[in-house]
C-alpha atoms as a PDB file:
ATOM      1  CA  UNK A   1      -4.026   3.012 -10.021  1.00  0.00           C
ATOM      2  CA  UNK A   2      -7.362   4.709  -9.100  1.00  0.00           C
ATOM      3  CA  UNK A   3      -7.727   5.816 -12.547  1.00  0.00           C
ATOM      4  CA  UNK A   4      -7.439   1.984 -13.690  1.00  0.00           C
ATOM      5  CA  UNK A   5     -10.880   0.725 -15.302  1.00  0.00           C
ATOM      6  CA  UNK A   6     -11.785  -2.934 -15.500  1.00  0.00           C
ATOM      7  CA  UNK A   7     -12.245  -3.705 -19.354  1.00  0.00           C
ATOM      8  CA  UNK A   8     -13.272  -6.592 -21.513  1.00  0.00           C
ATOM      9  CA  UNK A   9     -11.576  -9.890 -21.090  1.00  0.00           C
ATOM     10  CA  UNK A  10      -9.903  -9.007 -17.460  1.00  0.00           C
ATOM     11  CA  UNK A  11     -10.438 -11.648 -14.930  1.00  0.00           C
ATOM     12  CA  UNK A  12     -12.936 -10.616 -12.306  1.00  0.00           C
ATOM     13  CA  UNK A  13     -11.678  -9.421  -8.876  1.00  0.00           C
ATOM     14  CA  UNK A  14     -10.819 -12.169  -6.524  1.00  0.00           C
ATOM     15  CA  UNK A  15     -12.553 -12.890  -3.124  1.00  0.00           C
ATOM     16  CA  UNK A  16     -10.799 -10.954  -0.438  1.00  0.00           C
ATOM     17  CA  UNK A  17     -10.008 -12.008   3.047  1.00  0.00           C
ATOM     18  CA  UNK A  18      -9.441  -9.724   6.209  1.00  0.00           C
ATOM     19  CA  UNK A  19      -5.820  -8.977   7.683  1.00  0.00           C
ATOM     20  CA  UNK A  20      -5.801  -6.994  10.872  1.00  0.00           C
ATOM     21  CA  UNK A  21      -3.441  -5.812  13.438  1.00  0.00           C
ATOM     22  CA  UNK A  22      -3.163  -3.708  16.257  1.00  0.00           C
ATOM     23  CA  UNK A  23      -5.386  -5.768  18.338  1.00  0.00           C
ATOM     24  CA  UNK A  24      -7.851  -5.884  15.368  1.00  0.00           C
ATOM     25  CA  UNK A  25      -8.013  -1.620  15.279  1.00  0.00           C
ATOM     26  CA  UNK A  26      -6.512  -1.695  12.078  1.00  0.00           C
ATOM     27  CA  UNK A  27      -7.439  -3.996   8.993  1.00  0.00           C
ATOM     28  CA  UNK A  28      -7.663  -4.164   5.344  1.00  0.00           C
ATOM     29  CA  UNK A  29      -8.604  -6.727   2.751  1.00  0.00           C
ATOM     30  CA  UNK A  30      -6.387  -8.947   0.549  1.00  0.00           C
ATOM     31  CA  UNK A  31      -7.048 -11.729  -2.232  1.00  0.00           C
ATOM     32  CA  UNK A  32      -7.627 -14.753  -0.128  1.00  0.00           C
ATOM     33  CA  UNK A  33      -4.991 -16.772  -2.129  1.00  0.00           C
ATOM     34  CA  UNK A  34      -2.142 -14.415  -1.325  1.00  0.00           C
ATOM     35  CA  UNK A  35       0.153 -15.033   1.502  1.00  0.00           C
ATOM     36  CA  UNK A  36      -0.020 -13.035   4.541  1.00  0.00           C
ATOM     37  CA  UNK A  37       3.219 -11.771   6.394  1.00  0.00           C
ATOM     38  CA  UNK A  38       3.792 -10.392   9.621  1.00  0.00           C
ATOM     39  CA  UNK A  39       7.248  -8.794   9.135  1.00  0.00           C
ATOM     40  CA  UNK A  40       7.723  -7.312  12.506  1.00  0.00           C
ATOM     41  CA  UNK A  41       6.863  -9.093  16.122  1.00  0.00           C
ATOM     42  CA  UNK A  42       5.302  -5.839  17.275  1.00  0.00           C
ATOM     43  CA  UNK A  43       2.723  -5.689  14.228  1.00  0.00           C
ATOM     44  CA  UNK A  44       4.287  -2.474  13.011  1.00  0.00           C
ATOM     45  CA  UNK A  45       4.477  -4.258   9.420  1.00  0.00           C
ATOM     46  CA  UNK A  46       2.020  -6.712   8.032  1.00  0.00           C
ATOM     47  CA  UNK A  47       1.963  -7.671   4.361  1.00  0.00           C
ATOM     48  CA  UNK A  48       0.592  -9.827   1.947  1.00  0.00           C
ATOM     49  CA  UNK A  49       2.291 -11.128  -1.385  1.00  0.00           C
ATOM     50  CA  UNK A  50       0.785 -12.682  -4.395  1.00  0.00           C
ATOM     51  CA  UNK A  51       1.735 -16.502  -5.280  1.00  0.00           C
ATOM     52  CA  UNK A  52       5.037 -16.896  -6.437  1.00  0.00           C
ATOM     53  CA  UNK A  53       4.294 -18.546  -9.921  1.00  0.00           C
ATOM     54  CA  UNK A  54       7.123 -17.217 -12.564  1.00  0.00           C
ATOM     55  CA  UNK A  55      10.270 -15.029 -12.415  1.00  0.00           C
ATOM     56  CA  UNK A  56       8.239 -11.823 -12.362  1.00  0.00           C
ATOM     57  CA  UNK A  57       7.729  -8.961  -9.776  1.00  0.00           C
ATOM     58  CA  UNK A  58       5.239 -10.317  -6.920  1.00  0.00           C
ATOM     59  CA  UNK A  59       2.324  -7.932  -6.482  1.00  0.00           C
ATOM     60  CA  UNK A  60       2.130  -6.887  -2.925  1.00  0.00           C
ATOM     61  CA  UNK A  61       0.650  -4.768   0.037  1.00  0.00           C
ATOM     62  CA  UNK A  62       2.534  -3.656   2.885  1.00  0.00           C
ATOM     63  CA  UNK A  63       0.601  -1.815   5.818  1.00  0.00           C
ATOM     64  CA  UNK A  64       3.199   0.175   8.283  1.00  0.00           C
ATOM     65  CA  UNK A  65       3.193   2.163  11.266  1.00  0.00           C
ATOM     66  CA  UNK A  66       5.713   4.265  12.189  1.00  0.00           C
ATOM     67  CA  UNK A  67       6.205   7.169  15.175  1.00  0.00           C
ATOM     68  CA  UNK A  68       6.261  10.663  13.195  1.00  0.00           C
ATOM     69  CA  UNK A  69       7.599  13.880  14.607  1.00  0.00           C
ATOM     70  CA  UNK A  70       5.883  16.731  12.949  1.00  0.00           C
ATOM     71  CA  UNK A  71       3.340  17.008  10.135  1.00  0.00           C
ATOM     72  CA  UNK A  72       2.117  14.561   7.330  1.00  0.00           C
ATOM     73  CA  UNK A  73       3.410  16.657   4.717  1.00  0.00           C
ATOM     74  CA  UNK A  74       6.798  16.803   6.371  1.00  0.00           C
ATOM     75  CA  UNK A  75       6.977  13.215   7.070  1.00  0.00           C
ATOM     76  CA  UNK A  76       5.766  12.466   3.478  1.00  0.00           C
ATOM     77  CA  UNK A  77       8.428  14.893   2.110  1.00  0.00           C
ATOM     78  CA  UNK A  78      10.971  12.840   3.889  1.00  0.00           C
ATOM     79  CA  UNK A  79       9.956   9.802   2.754  1.00  0.00           C
ATOM     80  CA  UNK A  80       9.842  10.717  -0.842  1.00  0.00           C
ATOM     81  CA  UNK A  81      13.275  12.319  -0.524  1.00  0.00           C
ATOM     82  CA  UNK A  82      14.613   8.846   0.738  1.00  0.00           C
ATOM     83  CA  UNK A  83      13.027   6.545  -2.001  1.00  0.00           C
ATOM     84  CA  UNK A  84      14.054   8.850  -4.947  1.00  0.00           C
ATOM     85  CA  UNK A  85      17.608   8.223  -3.180  1.00  0.00           C
ATOM     86  CA  UNK A  86      17.287   4.563  -2.559  1.00  0.00           C
ATOM     87  CA  UNK A  87      15.270   3.444  -5.876  1.00  0.00           C
ATOM     88  CA  UNK A  88      16.447   3.107  -9.363  1.00  0.00           C
ATOM     89  CA  UNK A  89      14.687   5.097 -11.788  1.00  0.00           C
ATOM     90  CA  UNK A  90      12.285   6.613  -9.055  1.00  0.00           C
ATOM     91  CA  UNK A  91       9.414   8.637 -10.468  1.00  0.00           C
ATOM     92  CA  UNK A  92       6.801  10.612  -8.902  1.00  0.00           C
ATOM     93  CA  UNK A  93       3.753  10.438 -10.952  1.00  0.00           C
ATOM     94  CA  UNK A  94       0.869  11.747  -8.855  1.00  0.00           C
ATOM     95  CA  UNK A  95       0.456  13.168  -5.348  1.00  0.00           C
ATOM     96  CA  UNK A  96      -2.791  14.459  -3.964  1.00  0.00           C
ATOM     97  CA  UNK A  97      -4.907  14.746  -0.539  1.00  0.00           C
ATOM     98  CA  UNK A  98      -7.328  12.021  -0.224  1.00  0.00           C
ATOM     99  CA  UNK A  99      -9.334  10.266   2.656  1.00  0.00           C
ATOM    100  CA  UNK A 100      -7.350   7.370   4.036  1.00  0.00           C
ATOM    101  CA  UNK A 101      -9.318   4.904   6.271  1.00  0.00           C
ATOM    102  CA  UNK A 102     -11.618   7.534   7.024  1.00  0.00           C
ATOM    103  CA  UNK A 103      -9.448  10.285   7.622  1.00  0.00           C
ATOM    104  CA  UNK A 104      -7.372  13.056   5.887  1.00  0.00           C
ATOM    105  CA  UNK A 105      -4.342  11.979   4.217  1.00  0.00           C
ATOM    106  CA  UNK A 106      -2.159  11.755   1.342  1.00  0.00           C
ATOM    107  CA  UNK A 107      -2.140   9.516  -1.833  1.00  0.00           C
ATOM    108  CA  UNK A 108       0.961   9.080  -4.072  1.00  0.00           C
ATOM    109  CA  UNK A 109       1.920   7.107  -7.081  1.00  0.00           C
ATOM    110  CA  UNK A 110       5.362   6.293  -8.106  1.00  0.00           C
ATOM    111  CA  UNK A 111       7.150   4.275 -10.423  1.00  0.00           C
ATOM    112  CA  UNK A 112      10.719   2.541 -10.209  1.00  0.00           C
ATOM    113  CA  UNK A 113      12.885   0.017 -11.646  1.00  0.00           C
ATOM    114  CA  UNK A 114      13.963  -3.361  -9.618  1.00  0.00           C
ATOM    115  CA  UNK A 115      17.413  -4.802  -9.831  1.00  0.00           C
ATOM    116  CA  UNK A 116      16.027  -6.975 -12.709  1.00  0.00           C
ATOM    117  CA  UNK A 117      15.074  -3.887 -14.573  1.00  0.00           C
ATOM    118  CA  UNK A 118      11.329  -4.463 -14.161  1.00  0.00           C
ATOM    119  CA  UNK A 119       9.262  -1.424 -13.974  1.00  0.00           C
ATOM    120  CA  UNK A 120       7.037  -1.256 -10.608  1.00  0.00           C
ATOM    121  CA  UNK A 121       4.282   1.039  -9.758  1.00  0.00           C
ATOM    122  CA  UNK A 122       3.782   1.917  -6.246  1.00  0.00           C
ATOM    123  CA  UNK A 123       0.531   3.585  -4.776  1.00  0.00           C
ATOM    124  CA  UNK A 124       0.577   4.469  -1.198  1.00  0.00           C
ATOM    125  CA  UNK A 125      -2.081   6.057   0.949  1.00  0.00           C
ATOM    126  CA  UNK A 126      -1.089   7.754   4.132  1.00  0.00           C
ATOM    127  CA  UNK A 127      -2.579   9.647   7.227  1.00  0.00           C
ATOM    128  CA  UNK A 128      -1.225  10.569  10.595  1.00  0.00           C
ATOM    129  CA  UNK A 129      -3.302   9.387  13.929  1.00  0.00           C
ATOM    130  CA  UNK A 130      -1.920  10.956  17.345  1.00  0.00           C
ATOM    131  CA  UNK A 131       1.841  11.027  16.036  1.00  0.00           C
ATOM    132  CA  UNK A 132       1.709   7.406  14.501  1.00  0.00           C
ATOM    133  CA  UNK A 133       2.166   7.231  10.824  1.00  0.00           C
ATOM    134  CA  UNK A 134      -0.203   4.578   9.184  1.00  0.00           C
ATOM    135  CA  UNK A 135       0.673   3.699   5.474  1.00  0.00           C
ATOM    136  CA  UNK A 136      -0.883   1.182   3.180  1.00  0.00           C
ATOM    137  CA  UNK A 137       1.182   0.852   0.126  1.00  0.00           C
ATOM    138  CA  UNK A 138       0.695  -1.321  -2.884  1.00  0.00           C
ATOM    139  CA  UNK A 139       3.294  -2.296  -5.537  1.00  0.00           C
ATOM    140  CA  UNK A 140       2.674  -4.175  -9.012  1.00  0.00           C
ATOM    141  CA  UNK A 141       4.671  -4.944 -12.153  1.00  0.00           C
ATOM    142  CA  UNK A 142       3.844  -1.729 -14.553  1.00  0.00           C
ATOM    143  CA  UNK A 143       2.836  -4.112 -17.273  1.00  0.00           C
ATOM    144  CA  UNK A 144       0.394  -5.830 -14.970  1.00  0.00           C
ATOM    145  CA  UNK A 145      -1.297  -2.708 -13.683  1.00  0.00           C
ATOM    146  CA  UNK A 146      -4.454  -3.026 -15.961  1.00  0.00           C
ATOM    147  CA  UNK A 147      -5.038  -6.518 -14.643  1.00  0.00           C
ATOM    148  CA  UNK A 148      -4.353  -5.947 -11.135  1.00  0.00           C
ATOM    149  CA  UNK A 149      -5.427  -2.449 -10.598  1.00  0.00           C
ATOM    150  CA  UNK A 150      -9.035  -3.062  -9.596  1.00  0.00           C
ATOM    151  CA  UNK A 151      -7.977  -5.473  -6.898  1.00  0.00           C
ATOM    152  CA  UNK A 152      -5.500  -3.056  -5.638  1.00  0.00           C
ATOM    153  CA  UNK A 153      -8.141  -0.530  -5.498  1.00  0.00           C
ATOM    154  CA  UNK A 154     -10.341  -2.666  -3.562  1.00  0.00           C
ATOM    155  CA  UNK A 155      -7.503  -3.382  -1.210  1.00  0.00           C
ATOM    156  CA  UNK A 156      -6.968   0.144  -0.637  1.00  0.00           C
ATOM    157  CA  UNK A 157     -10.420   1.384   0.107  1.00  0.00           C
ATOM    158  CA  UNK A 158     -11.109  -1.535   2.547  1.00  0.00           C
ATOM    159  CA  UNK A 159      -8.600  -0.185   5.192  1.00  0.00           C
ATOM    160  CA  UNK A 160     -10.678   0.424   8.386  1.00  0.00           C
ATOM    161  CA  UNK A 161      -9.102   2.308  11.306  1.00  0.00           C
ATOM    162  CA  UNK A 162     -11.020   2.090  14.440  1.00  0.00           C
ATOM    163  CA  UNK A 163     -11.382   5.309  16.282  1.00  0.00           C
ATOM    164  CA  UNK A 164     -11.261   3.689  19.666  1.00  0.00           C
ATOM    165  CA  UNK A 165      -7.557   3.144  20.843  1.00  0.00           C
ATOM    166  CA  UNK A 166      -6.541   3.080  17.002  1.00  0.00           C
ATOM    167  CA  UNK A 167      -2.928   2.903  16.525  1.00  0.00           C
ATOM    168  CA  UNK A 168      -0.744   2.300  19.886  1.00  0.00           C
ATOM    169  CA  UNK A 169       0.460  -1.111  20.062  1.00  0.00           C
END
């Protein structure tokens, strides 16, 4: 999605609002009209999903935390293997080193099919902080990538991780 550029006739980027977790030490912005969800009581998974206005795939953003043994590269290799086994039509499109929330990390771009046979494009930004893996993942119906790419790029760019007492819950 980082290569998608806004063109004529596209909607402007919507107003964003900040979501935070881990006592405010980690935050990111999402469109203010999206539904915010805390999927786990300990704050290990925080998400936002666009409003449900049709039968199409709902674009979403998910921030996860996981205890990681080993290196970032090893953890991501394991994650990629698991996703390739679990997701129909999984295809790795791009993988590169990137800055994630001001830290060294990895960016991964993939696609897969939903049970309804809709193509979904996923972009993930991952880093390790003192043995805790932090991943921000965006998912969008592939046919809507041109429309929502700039919004999702803004979400990814907004990830902030404070350096003091960053990740522990």
